[in-house]
Amino acid sequence: MKEITELEAEVGFVLASRFSGAILFQEIIDWCFYKIESFSDLPTYIFDIVSTSSISELRDAVGILQYGRFNYELSDSEWEALTGIAYKRGFYTKENPCDVCTEKTALKNLEKNPHILERFKQTFPFIKLEWGE
């Protein structure tokens, strides 16, 4: 089995962030443009992602359903930490809660997994986090 590259792992984290609700679809596109501006010699799938307009097209562009090469291994606690970021960003609320875990559980797991918040900040330096840390 082929080792995944650092970029593939980062794409996996980007997708995990989207599927947990921590980022918006447009922020995936913004991440691609950030990569394009910052690095040369990127794989063509980064440019394919930029041209997508839906999650369905995104799945086709990166081939995650067929190959799974962009999987980012997260424990349940780490997934809930990403959900905590979504709560902090206001994407989930008491009126519109996440159906995977409660706000209290998500925020507790965010606190227990500070490396997830650090990874988020490193991956998305263009996203301004509005809450005090």
N, C-alpha and C. Protein backbone atom coordinates (compact mmCIF):
# COMPACT_ATOMS: atom_id res chain seq x y z
N MET A 1 0.84 -1.19 0.00
CA MET A 1 0.00 0.00 0.00
C MET A 1 0.88 1.25 0.00
N LYS A 2 0.54 2.20 -0.83
CA LYS A 2 1.31 3.42 -0.98
C LYS A 2 1.13 4.32 0.24
N GLU A 3 2.24 4.90 0.71
CA GLU A 3 2.19 5.89 1.79
C GLU A 3 1.45 7.13 1.29
N ILE A 4 0.64 7.72 2.16
CA ILE A 4 0.01 8.96 1.74
C ILE A 4 0.98 10.11 1.96
N THR A 5 0.92 11.08 1.08
CA THR A 5 1.81 12.23 1.17
C THR A 5 1.28 13.21 2.22
N GLU A 6 2.12 14.16 2.56
CA GLU A 6 1.71 15.20 3.50
C GLU A 6 0.51 15.98 2.95
N LEU A 7 0.53 16.27 1.65
CA LEU A 7 -0.58 16.99 1.04
C LEU A 7 -1.86 16.16 1.08
N GLU A 8 -1.76 14.86 0.81
CA GLU A 8 -2.95 14.00 0.87
C GLU A 8 -3.51 13.97 2.28
N ALA A 9 -2.65 13.94 3.29
CA ALA A 9 -3.11 13.98 4.68
C ALA A 9 -3.80 15.30 4.97
N GLU A 10 -3.25 16.38 4.42
CA GLU A 10 -3.87 17.69 4.62
C GLU A 10 -5.23 17.76 3.94
N VAL A 11 -5.34 17.22 2.73
CA VAL A 11 -6.64 17.17 2.04
C VAL A 11 -7.62 16.37 2.90
N GLY A 12 -7.15 15.28 3.49
CA GLY A 12 -8.00 14.49 4.38
C GLY A 12 -8.50 15.31 5.55
N PHE A 13 -7.63 16.12 6.14
CA PHE A 13 -8.05 16.97 7.25
C PHE A 13 -9.05 18.03 6.78
N VAL A 14 -8.83 18.59 5.61
CA VAL A 14 -9.76 19.57 5.05
C VAL A 14 -11.14 18.93 4.88
N LEU A 15 -11.17 17.73 4.32
CA LEU A 15 -12.45 17.05 4.11
C LEU A 15 -13.09 16.69 5.45
N ALA A 16 -12.30 16.23 6.41
CA ALA A 16 -12.84 15.93 7.75
C ALA A 16 -13.42 17.19 8.37
N SER A 17 -12.75 18.31 8.17
CA SER A 17 -13.25 19.58 8.70
C SER A 17 -14.59 19.93 8.08
N ARG A 18 -14.73 19.69 6.79
CA ARG A 18 -16.01 19.97 6.12
C ARG A 18 -17.10 19.02 6.59
N PHE A 19 -16.78 17.73 6.65
CA PHE A 19 -17.80 16.76 7.00
C PHE A 19 -18.22 16.85 8.47
N SER A 20 -17.37 17.45 9.30
CA SER A 20 -17.73 17.66 10.70
C SER A 20 -18.51 18.97 10.89
N GLY A 21 -18.54 19.79 9.85
CA GLY A 21 -19.24 21.06 9.92
C GLY A 21 -18.37 22.23 10.35
N ALA A 22 -17.04 22.02 10.50
CA ALA A 22 -16.16 23.07 10.99
C ALA A 22 -15.82 24.12 9.94
N ILE A 23 -15.98 23.78 8.66
CA ILE A 23 -15.76 24.75 7.58
C ILE A 23 -16.91 24.67 6.60
N LEU A 24 -17.03 25.71 5.82
CA LEU A 24 -18.03 25.76 4.75
C LEU A 24 -17.43 25.20 3.47
N PHE A 25 -18.28 24.80 2.55
CA PHE A 25 -17.80 24.30 1.26
C PHE A 25 -16.88 25.31 0.59
N GLN A 26 -17.27 26.59 0.60
CA GLN A 26 -16.46 27.63 -0.04
C GLN A 26 -15.06 27.70 0.57
N GLU A 27 -14.93 27.36 1.84
CA GLU A 27 -13.61 27.41 2.49
C GLU A 27 -12.69 26.29 1.99
N ILE A 28 -13.25 25.24 1.44
CA ILE A 28 -12.42 24.22 0.76
C ILE A 28 -11.79 24.85 -0.48
N ILE A 29 -12.61 25.57 -1.23
CA ILE A 29 -12.12 26.25 -2.43
C ILE A 29 -11.08 27.30 -2.03
N ASP A 30 -11.35 28.05 -0.97
CA ASP A 30 -10.40 29.05 -0.48
C ASP A 30 -9.08 28.39 -0.10
N TRP A 31 -9.14 27.22 0.52
CA TRP A 31 -7.93 26.48 0.90
C TRP A 31 -7.13 26.13 -0.36
N CYS A 32 -7.82 25.68 -1.40
CA CYS A 32 -7.13 25.35 -2.66
C CYS A 32 -6.42 26.57 -3.22
N PHE A 33 -7.10 27.71 -3.25
CA PHE A 33 -6.46 28.92 -3.76
C PHE A 33 -5.27 29.32 -2.89
N TYR A 34 -5.38 29.13 -1.58
CA TYR A 34 -4.26 29.40 -0.68
C TYR A 34 -3.07 28.51 -1.07
N LYS A 35 -3.33 27.24 -1.34
CA LYS A 35 -2.27 26.32 -1.73
C LYS A 35 -1.67 26.72 -3.08
N ILE A 36 -2.53 27.07 -4.02
CA ILE A 36 -2.06 27.46 -5.36
C ILE A 36 -1.17 28.70 -5.28
N GLU A 37 -1.55 29.66 -4.43
CA GLU A 37 -0.75 30.88 -4.28
C GLU A 37 0.57 30.62 -3.55
N SER A 38 0.59 29.61 -2.68
CA SER A 38 1.75 29.37 -1.81
C SER A 38 2.74 28.35 -2.36
N PHE A 39 2.29 27.46 -3.23
CA PHE A 39 3.15 26.36 -3.66
C PHE A 39 3.08 26.16 -5.16
N SER A 40 4.16 25.64 -5.72
CA SER A 40 4.15 25.28 -7.13
C SER A 40 4.12 23.76 -7.21
N ASP A 41 3.92 23.25 -8.38
CA ASP A 41 3.96 21.81 -8.61
C ASP A 41 2.93 21.03 -7.78
N LEU A 42 1.73 21.56 -7.73
CA LEU A 42 0.65 20.88 -7.01
C LEU A 42 0.00 19.83 -7.92
N PRO A 43 -0.53 18.77 -7.34
CA PRO A 43 -1.22 17.78 -8.17
C PRO A 43 -2.46 18.37 -8.83
N THR A 44 -2.85 17.80 -9.95
CA THR A 44 -3.97 18.35 -10.71
C THR A 44 -5.28 18.32 -9.93
N TYR A 45 -5.42 17.39 -8.97
CA TYR A 45 -6.70 17.34 -8.26
C TYR A 45 -6.97 18.61 -7.46
N ILE A 46 -5.94 19.36 -7.08
CA ILE A 46 -6.16 20.64 -6.39
C ILE A 46 -6.90 21.59 -7.34
N PHE A 47 -6.51 21.62 -8.59
CA PHE A 47 -7.17 22.47 -9.58
C PHE A 47 -8.56 21.93 -9.91
N ASP A 48 -8.72 20.61 -9.88
CA ASP A 48 -10.04 20.01 -10.09
C ASP A 48 -11.00 20.42 -8.97
N ILE A 49 -10.50 20.46 -7.74
CA ILE A 49 -11.34 20.85 -6.61
C ILE A 49 -11.85 22.28 -6.79
N VAL A 50 -10.99 23.16 -7.26
CA VAL A 50 -11.37 24.57 -7.45
C VAL A 50 -12.56 24.69 -8.39
N SER A 51 -12.68 23.79 -9.34
CA SER A 51 -13.77 23.89 -10.32
C SER A 51 -15.04 23.19 -9.87
N THR A 52 -15.07 22.64 -8.66
CA THR A 52 -16.28 21.97 -8.18
C THR A 52 -17.27 22.97 -7.62
N SER A 53 -18.53 22.59 -7.65
CA SER A 53 -19.56 23.47 -7.10
C SER A 53 -20.45 22.77 -6.08
N SER A 54 -20.11 21.52 -5.74
CA SER A 54 -20.90 20.79 -4.74
C SER A 54 -20.04 19.70 -4.11
N ILE A 55 -20.49 19.18 -2.99
CA ILE A 55 -19.78 18.09 -2.32
C ILE A 55 -19.72 16.88 -3.24
N SER A 56 -20.78 16.62 -3.97
CA SER A 56 -20.80 15.49 -4.90
C SER A 56 -19.70 15.63 -5.95
N GLU A 57 -19.59 16.81 -6.54
CA GLU A 57 -18.53 17.05 -7.52
C GLU A 57 -17.16 16.97 -6.86
N LEU A 58 -17.06 17.42 -5.62
CA LEU A 58 -15.80 17.35 -4.89
C LEU A 58 -15.37 15.89 -4.72
N ARG A 59 -16.30 15.03 -4.34
CA ARG A 59 -15.98 13.61 -4.20
C ARG A 59 -15.46 13.03 -5.51
N ASP A 60 -16.07 13.41 -6.60
CA ASP A 60 -15.61 12.94 -7.90
C ASP A 60 -14.22 13.49 -8.22
N ALA A 61 -13.99 14.75 -7.89
CA ALA A 61 -12.71 15.39 -8.23
C ALA A 61 -11.54 14.75 -7.50
N VAL A 62 -11.71 14.41 -6.24
CA VAL A 62 -10.58 13.86 -5.49
C VAL A 62 -10.60 12.34 -5.40
N GLY A 63 -11.66 11.73 -5.90
CA GLY A 63 -11.71 10.27 -5.93
C GLY A 63 -11.76 9.61 -4.56
N ILE A 64 -12.29 10.30 -3.55
CA ILE A 64 -12.25 9.72 -2.21
C ILE A 64 -13.14 8.49 -2.08
N LEU A 65 -14.15 8.40 -2.90
CA LEU A 65 -15.02 7.22 -2.77
C LEU A 65 -14.35 5.97 -3.32
N GLN A 66 -13.59 6.09 -4.40
CA GLN A 66 -12.95 4.93 -4.99
C GLN A 66 -11.67 4.53 -4.27
N TYR A 67 -10.86 5.47 -3.87
CA TYR A 67 -9.52 5.15 -3.39
C TYR A 67 -9.31 5.34 -1.91
N GLY A 68 -10.07 6.20 -1.28
CA GLY A 68 -9.92 6.45 0.14
C GLY A 68 -8.55 6.99 0.53
N ARG A 69 -7.80 7.51 -0.42
CA ARG A 69 -6.43 7.92 -0.12
C ARG A 69 -6.37 9.21 0.69
N PHE A 70 -7.47 9.90 0.82
CA PHE A 70 -7.47 11.14 1.57
C PHE A 70 -8.08 10.98 2.95
N ASN A 71 -8.17 9.76 3.41
CA ASN A 71 -8.68 9.53 4.76
C ASN A 71 -7.77 10.17 5.78
N TYR A 72 -8.36 10.85 6.72
CA TYR A 72 -7.59 11.42 7.82
C TYR A 72 -8.08 10.72 9.07
N GLU A 73 -7.20 9.94 9.67
CA GLU A 73 -7.58 9.13 10.83
C GLU A 73 -7.80 10.01 12.05
N LEU A 74 -9.02 10.02 12.54
CA LEU A 74 -9.38 10.76 13.74
C LEU A 74 -10.09 9.83 14.71
N SER A 75 -9.79 9.98 15.98
CA SER A 75 -10.55 9.26 17.00
C SER A 75 -11.92 9.91 17.13
N ASP A 76 -12.83 9.27 17.81
CA ASP A 76 -14.15 9.86 18.04
C ASP A 76 -14.02 11.20 18.76
N SER A 77 -13.12 11.25 19.73
CA SER A 77 -12.89 12.47 20.49
C SER A 77 -12.38 13.59 19.59
N GLU A 78 -11.51 13.27 18.65
CA GLU A 78 -10.98 14.28 17.73
C GLU A 78 -12.05 14.76 16.75
N TRP A 79 -12.91 13.83 16.27
CA TRP A 79 -14.03 14.24 15.41
C TRP A 79 -14.92 15.22 16.17
N GLU A 80 -15.19 14.88 17.44
CA GLU A 80 -16.04 15.77 18.25
C GLU A 80 -15.36 17.10 18.51
N ALA A 81 -14.01 17.11 18.58
CA ALA A 81 -13.28 18.37 18.72
C ALA A 81 -13.50 19.25 17.48
N LEU A 82 -13.46 18.64 16.29
CA LEU A 82 -13.76 19.41 15.07
C LEU A 82 -15.19 19.95 15.12
N THR A 83 -16.10 19.15 15.65
CA THR A 83 -17.47 19.62 15.82
C THR A 83 -17.51 20.78 16.80
N GLY A 84 -16.63 20.76 17.80
CA GLY A 84 -16.52 21.88 18.73
C GLY A 84 -16.13 23.16 18.02
N ILE A 85 -15.24 23.05 17.04
CA ILE A 85 -14.86 24.22 16.24
C ILE A 85 -16.09 24.73 15.48
N ALA A 86 -16.89 23.81 14.95
CA ALA A 86 -18.11 24.21 14.25
C ALA A 86 -19.05 24.96 15.19
N TYR A 87 -19.19 24.46 16.43
CA TYR A 87 -20.02 25.18 17.41
C TYR A 87 -19.44 26.55 17.70
N LYS A 88 -18.13 26.63 17.92
CA LYS A 88 -17.48 27.91 18.22
C LYS A 88 -17.66 28.90 17.07
N ARG A 89 -17.66 28.40 15.86
CA ARG A 89 -17.82 29.27 14.69
C ARG A 89 -19.28 29.62 14.42
N GLY A 90 -20.20 29.04 15.19
CA GLY A 90 -21.62 29.35 15.05
C GLY A 90 -22.34 28.55 13.98
N PHE A 91 -21.70 27.51 13.46
CA PHE A 91 -22.34 26.69 12.43
C PHE A 91 -23.38 25.74 13.03
N TYR A 92 -23.20 25.39 14.29
CA TYR A 92 -24.21 24.66 15.05
C TYR A 92 -24.59 25.54 16.22
N THR A 93 -25.86 25.50 16.58
CA THR A 93 -26.38 26.29 17.69
C THR A 93 -27.36 25.44 18.49
N LYS A 94 -27.85 26.01 19.57
CA LYS A 94 -28.89 25.30 20.35
C LYS A 94 -30.13 25.08 19.49
N GLU A 95 -30.43 26.01 18.62
CA GLU A 95 -31.59 25.90 17.73
C GLU A 95 -31.32 24.95 16.56
N ASN A 96 -30.06 24.84 16.16
CA ASN A 96 -29.66 23.99 15.05
C ASN A 96 -28.46 23.13 15.50
N PRO A 97 -28.71 22.16 16.40
CA PRO A 97 -27.59 21.40 16.96
C PRO A 97 -27.06 20.34 16.00
N CYS A 98 -25.86 19.92 16.26
CA CYS A 98 -25.26 18.80 15.54
C CYS A 98 -25.98 17.54 15.99
N ASP A 99 -26.24 16.63 15.08
CA ASP A 99 -26.91 15.39 15.47
C ASP A 99 -25.93 14.29 15.85
N VAL A 100 -24.63 14.59 15.86
CA VAL A 100 -23.62 13.61 16.24
C VAL A 100 -23.27 13.70 17.72
N CYS A 101 -23.14 14.93 18.22
CA CYS A 101 -22.83 15.11 19.64
C CYS A 101 -23.38 16.44 20.12
N THR A 102 -23.49 16.57 21.42
CA THR A 102 -24.00 17.81 22.00
C THR A 102 -22.92 18.89 21.98
N GLU A 103 -23.35 20.11 22.15
CA GLU A 103 -22.40 21.23 22.22
C GLU A 103 -21.44 21.02 23.38
N LYS A 104 -21.96 20.62 24.53
CA LYS A 104 -21.12 20.41 25.71
C LYS A 104 -20.05 19.36 25.44
N THR A 105 -20.44 18.25 24.84
CA THR A 105 -19.48 17.18 24.52
C THR A 105 -18.46 17.66 23.50
N ALA A 106 -18.92 18.38 22.47
CA ALA A 106 -18.02 18.87 21.42
C ALA A 106 -16.99 19.83 22.00
N LEU A 107 -17.44 20.76 22.83
CA LEU A 107 -16.52 21.75 23.41
C LEU A 107 -15.56 21.10 24.40
N LYS A 108 -16.04 20.11 25.15
CA LYS A 108 -15.16 19.39 26.07
C LYS A 108 -14.07 18.66 25.29
N ASN A 109 -14.44 18.04 24.18
CA ASN A 109 -13.46 17.33 23.37
C ASN A 109 -12.51 18.28 22.64
N LEU A 110 -12.97 19.47 22.30
CA LEU A 110 -12.08 20.48 21.73
C LEU A 110 -11.03 20.87 22.76
N GLU A 111 -11.46 21.03 23.99
CA GLU A 111 -10.52 21.37 25.06
C GLU A 111 -9.53 20.24 25.32
N LYS A 112 -9.98 19.00 25.23
CA LYS A 112 -9.11 17.84 25.47
C LYS A 112 -8.16 17.55 24.31
N ASN A 113 -8.43 18.12 23.14
CA ASN A 113 -7.64 17.86 21.93
C ASN A 113 -7.13 19.17 21.32
N PRO A 114 -6.28 19.89 22.04
CA PRO A 114 -5.82 21.18 21.50
C PRO A 114 -5.05 21.04 20.19
N HIS A 115 -4.50 19.86 19.92
CA HIS A 115 -3.78 19.65 18.66
C HIS A 115 -4.71 19.76 17.46
N ILE A 116 -5.99 19.48 17.65
CA ILE A 116 -6.97 19.62 16.55
C ILE A 116 -7.14 21.10 16.20
N LEU A 117 -7.27 21.95 17.22
CA LEU A 117 -7.38 23.38 16.97
C LEU A 117 -6.10 23.91 16.33
N GLU A 118 -4.95 23.45 16.78
CA GLU A 118 -3.68 23.88 16.18
C GLU A 118 -3.59 23.44 14.72
N ARG A 119 -3.98 22.21 14.45
CA ARG A 119 -3.97 21.72 13.06
C ARG A 119 -4.92 22.55 12.20
N PHE A 120 -6.08 22.89 12.76
CA PHE A 120 -7.06 23.71 12.05
C PHE A 120 -6.45 25.06 11.70
N LYS A 121 -5.80 25.70 12.67
CA LYS A 121 -5.19 27.02 12.43
C LYS A 121 -4.07 26.93 11.38
N GLN A 122 -3.29 25.86 11.42
CA GLN A 122 -2.21 25.69 10.45
C GLN A 122 -2.75 25.43 9.05
N THR A 123 -3.82 24.66 8.98
CA THR A 123 -4.40 24.30 7.68
C THR A 123 -5.16 25.45 7.06
N PHE A 124 -5.82 26.24 7.90
CA PHE A 124 -6.66 27.35 7.41
C PHE A 124 -6.21 28.69 8.01
N PRO A 125 -5.01 29.14 7.72
CA PRO A 125 -4.55 30.39 8.33
C PRO A 125 -5.36 31.61 7.89
N PHE A 126 -6.10 31.48 6.82
CA PHE A 126 -6.92 32.58 6.32
C PHE A 126 -8.27 32.67 7.01
N ILE A 127 -8.62 31.69 7.86
CA ILE A 127 -9.87 31.73 8.60
C ILE A 127 -9.60 32.40 9.95
N LYS A 128 -10.30 33.47 10.20
CA LYS A 128 -10.16 34.17 11.47
C LYS A 128 -11.13 33.56 12.48
N LEU A 129 -10.59 33.08 13.56
CA LEU A 129 -11.42 32.51 14.62
C LEU A 129 -11.80 33.64 15.56
N GLU A 130 -13.09 33.82 15.74
CA GLU A 130 -13.62 34.99 16.43
C GLU A 130 -13.74 34.84 17.94
N TRP A 131 -13.49 33.68 18.48
CA TRP A 131 -13.66 33.50 19.91
C TRP A 131 -12.33 33.62 20.64
N GLY A 132 -12.38 34.02 21.91
CA GLY A 132 -11.16 34.09 22.72
C GLY A 132 -10.72 32.69 23.10
N GLU A 133 -9.43 32.46 23.03
CA GLU A 133 -8.93 31.11 23.31
C GLU A 133 -8.16 31.08 24.59
